[in-house]
Amino acid sequence: MYGWAITLAIIALIAAVLGFGGIAGALVDIAIIIFVLALIGSLILFVLGWKAAKGLGKRL
């Protein structure tokens, strides 16, 4: 998902340079939303993995 966010940000930058302000603004908004969702997903998976490893350590 980070790749999508970076790709959309680069396309938005190119669109802004070429003068397509409305499209660039929309792409930036979508890129920010995707980036935040990816960040939240990464944090959730990190916490779940940490808890699983901690529980596994107690069993060993």
C-alpha atoms as a PDB file:
ATOM      1  CA  MET A   1       0.000   0.000   0.000  1.00  0.00           C
ATOM      2  CA  TYR A   2       2.921   2.308   0.564  1.00  0.00           C
ATOM      3  CA  GLY A   3       3.866   1.813  -3.067  1.00  0.00           C
ATOM      4  CA  TRP A   4       0.434   2.968  -4.185  1.00  0.00           C
ATOM      5  CA  ALA A   5       0.650   6.060  -1.985  1.00  0.00           C
ATOM      6  CA  ILE A   6       4.092   6.985  -3.321  1.00  0.00           C
ATOM      7  CA  THR A   7       3.007   6.363  -6.915  1.00  0.00           C
ATOM      8  CA  LEU A   8      -0.068   8.550  -6.533  1.00  0.00           C
ATOM      9  CA  ALA A   9       2.006  11.300  -4.899  1.00  0.00           C
ATOM     10  CA  ILE A  10       4.479  11.270  -7.785  1.00  0.00           C
ATOM     11  CA  ILE A  11       1.669  11.353 -10.361  1.00  0.00           C
ATOM     12  CA  ALA A  12       0.083  14.241  -8.438  1.00  0.00           C
ATOM     13  CA  LEU A  13       3.384  16.112  -8.481  1.00  0.00           C
ATOM     14  CA  ILE A  14       3.704  15.637 -12.234  1.00  0.00           C
ATOM     15  CA  ALA A  15       0.076  16.703 -12.745  1.00  0.00           C
ATOM     16  CA  ALA A  16       0.656  19.827 -10.651  1.00  0.00           C
ATOM     17  CA  VAL A  17       3.744  20.763 -12.682  1.00  0.00           C
ATOM     18  CA  LEU A  18       1.754  20.320 -15.900  1.00  0.00           C
ATOM     19  CA  GLY A  19      -1.037  22.557 -14.590  1.00  0.00           C
ATOM     20  CA  PHE A  20      -3.717  20.035 -13.688  1.00  0.00           C
ATOM     21  CA  GLY A  21      -4.381  21.406 -10.195  1.00  0.00           C
ATOM     22  CA  GLY A  22      -7.733  19.738  -9.573  1.00  0.00           C
ATOM     23  CA  ILE A  23      -6.527  16.296 -10.514  1.00  0.00           C
ATOM     24  CA  ALA A  24      -3.330  16.800  -8.524  1.00  0.00           C
ATOM     25  CA  GLY A  25      -5.275  17.808  -5.421  1.00  0.00           C
ATOM     26  CA  ALA A  26      -7.551  14.787  -5.682  1.00  0.00           C
ATOM     27  CA  LEU A  27      -4.601  12.429  -6.141  1.00  0.00           C
ATOM     28  CA  VAL A  28      -2.828  13.903  -3.125  1.00  0.00           C
ATOM     29  CA  ASP A  29      -5.938  13.397  -0.999  1.00  0.00           C
ATOM     30  CA  ILE A  30      -6.218   9.774  -2.121  1.00  0.00           C
ATOM     31  CA  ALA A  31      -2.485   9.219  -1.511  1.00  0.00           C
ATOM     32  CA  ILE A  32      -2.770  10.587   2.027  1.00  0.00           C
ATOM     33  CA  ILE A  33      -5.762   8.365   2.787  1.00  0.00           C
ATOM     34  CA  ILE A  34      -3.967   5.271   1.465  1.00  0.00           C
ATOM     35  CA  PHE A  35      -0.813   6.172   3.412  1.00  0.00           C
ATOM     36  CA  VAL A  36      -2.732   6.583   6.675  1.00  0.00           C
ATOM     37  CA  LEU A  37      -4.575   3.279   6.139  1.00  0.00           C
ATOM     38  CA  ALA A  38      -1.267   1.519   5.439  1.00  0.00           C
ATOM     39  CA  LEU A  39       0.273   3.066   8.540  1.00  0.00           C
ATOM     40  CA  ILE A  40      -2.634   1.980  10.738  1.00  0.00           C
ATOM     41  CA  GLY A  41      -2.545  -1.521   9.244  1.00  0.00           C
ATOM     42  CA  SER A  42       1.196  -1.764   9.836  1.00  0.00           C
ATOM     43  CA  LEU A  43       0.817  -0.705  13.462  1.00  0.00           C
ATOM     44  CA  ILE A  44      -1.991  -3.218  14.061  1.00  0.00           C
ATOM     45  CA  LEU A  45       0.032  -6.057  12.534  1.00  0.00           C
ATOM     46  CA  PHE A  46       3.099  -5.007  14.535  1.00  0.00           C
ATOM     47  CA  VAL A  47       1.171  -5.125  17.814  1.00  0.00           C
ATOM     48  CA  LEU A  48      -0.444  -8.465  16.941  1.00  0.00           C
ATOM     49  CA  GLY A  49       2.929  -9.958  16.000  1.00  0.00           C
ATOM     50  CA  TRP A  50       4.511  -8.620  19.170  1.00  0.00           C
ATOM     51  CA  LYS A  51       1.762 -10.146  21.313  1.00  0.00           C
ATOM     52  CA  ALA A  52       2.010 -13.467  19.457  1.00  0.00           C
ATOM     53  CA  ALA A  53       5.783 -13.590  19.940  1.00  0.00           C
ATOM     54  CA  LYS A  54       5.406 -12.682  23.596  1.00  0.00           C
ATOM     55  CA  GLY A  55       2.855 -15.476  24.106  1.00  0.00           C
ATOM     56  CA  LEU A  56       5.029 -17.947  22.250  1.00  0.00           C
ATOM     57  CA  GLY A  57       7.983 -17.050  24.441  1.00  0.00           C
ATOM     58  CA  LYS A  58       6.013 -17.890  27.565  1.00  0.00           C
ATOM     59  CA  ARG A  59       5.130 -21.324  26.208  1.00  0.00           C
ATOM     60  CA  LEU A  60       8.740 -22.221  25.500  1.00  0.00           C
END
